[in-house]
Protein backbone atom coordinates (compact mmCIF):
# COMPACT_ATOMS: atom_id res chain seq x y z
CA MET A 1 24.29 -14.22 28.43
CA ALA A 2 25.25 -11.27 26.23
CA GLU A 3 23.30 -12.82 23.37
CA GLU A 4 20.16 -13.00 25.54
CA ASN A 5 20.46 -9.30 26.41
CA LYS A 6 20.85 -8.43 22.75
CA LEU A 7 17.67 -10.32 21.85
CA GLU A 8 15.75 -8.67 24.69
CA LYS A 9 16.76 -5.21 23.50
CA GLN A 10 15.68 -5.84 19.90
CA LYS A 11 11.92 -5.62 19.84
CA ARG A 12 9.96 -5.90 16.63
CA ARG A 13 8.58 -2.57 15.55
CA ARG A 14 5.28 -2.32 13.73
CA LEU A 15 5.05 0.51 11.26
CA SER A 16 1.69 2.05 10.51
CA ALA A 17 0.27 2.15 7.00
CA GLU A 18 1.05 5.88 6.90
CA GLU A 19 4.70 5.23 7.76
CA LYS A 20 4.98 2.56 5.07
CA VAL A 21 3.48 4.89 2.46
CA LYS A 22 5.86 7.65 3.55
CA ILE A 23 8.87 5.36 3.11
CA LEU A 24 7.65 4.12 -0.28
CA SER A 25 6.95 7.66 -1.48
CA GLU A 26 10.46 8.73 -0.51
CA ILE A 27 11.82 5.97 -2.73
CA LEU A 28 9.37 6.23 -5.63
CA LEU A 29 8.75 9.98 -5.76
CA LYS A 30 11.83 11.56 -4.21
CA GLY A 31 14.37 9.09 -5.57
CA ARG A 32 15.97 8.18 -2.25
CA GLY A 33 17.91 4.95 -2.08
CA LEU A 34 16.45 1.73 -0.75
CA SER A 35 19.48 0.93 1.42
CA GLU A 36 19.63 4.48 2.73
CA LEU A 37 16.02 4.38 3.93
CA ALA A 38 16.33 0.85 5.27
CA ASP A 39 19.27 1.98 7.41
CA GLU A 40 17.49 5.16 8.48
CA TYR A 41 14.35 3.34 9.60
CA LYS A 42 16.25 0.25 10.80
CA ILE A 43 14.31 -2.19 8.66
CA HIS A 44 15.47 -4.81 6.18
CA PRO A 45 15.45 -3.67 2.53
CA ASN A 46 13.46 -6.78 1.57
CA LYS A 47 10.61 -5.58 3.78
CA ILE A 48 10.39 -2.34 1.78
CA LEU A 49 10.42 -4.32 -1.46
CA GLU A 50 7.59 -6.46 -0.08
CA TRP A 51 5.53 -3.31 0.68
CA ARG A 52 6.18 -2.02 -2.84
CA LYS A 53 4.95 -5.30 -4.30
CA VAL A 54 1.76 -5.14 -2.22
CA LEU A 55 1.24 -1.51 -3.27
CA PHE A 56 1.44 -2.26 -6.98
CA GLU A 57 -0.59 -5.47 -6.76
CA SER A 58 -3.44 -3.64 -5.05
CA ALA A 59 -3.18 -0.48 -7.17
CA THR A 60 -5.20 -1.93 -10.05
CA GLY A 61 -8.32 -1.70 -7.93
CA ILE A 62 -7.96 2.07 -7.85
CA PHE A 63 -8.21 2.34 -11.62
CA GLU A 64 -11.04 -0.10 -12.15
CA GLN A 65 -14.20 1.76 -13.05
CA LYS A 66 -17.38 0.28 -11.81
CA ARG A 67 -20.50 1.12 -13.73
CA PRO A 68 -23.01 2.79 -11.45
CA ASP A 69 -26.27 0.97 -10.90
CA ILE A 70 -29.06 2.10 -13.17
CA THR A 71 -31.71 3.93 -11.22
CA GLU A 72 -35.34 2.94 -11.33
CA LYS A 73 -36.20 6.02 -13.43
CA ALA A 74 -33.60 5.11 -16.02
CA LYS A 75 -34.86 1.54 -16.13
CA GLN A 76 -38.42 2.76 -16.66
CA ARG A 77 -37.30 5.09 -19.47
CA LYS A 78 -35.63 2.18 -21.23
CA ILE A 79 -38.79 0.10 -20.88
CA ASP A 80 -40.91 2.97 -22.25
CA VAL A 81 -38.63 3.38 -25.27
CA LEU A 82 -38.71 -0.32 -26.03
CA GLU A 83 -42.53 -0.51 -25.81
């Protein structure tokens, strides 16, 4: 019976993207400890490590430079030069 009450009281919390970034920035930029923040926010340290992995895996997209499409005028200039 006591075990049932304990499970009822523990509800899964969903942290927003902003909260996850805040936690990661406290670790990466401010040098706070992983265990310290996990205890403070009552989340498992592995969850924070998972967020960090996702952050770094998706970060390469930020630095990729896409070449802007050539406008019609620029295309025409190239054609004129080649003729």
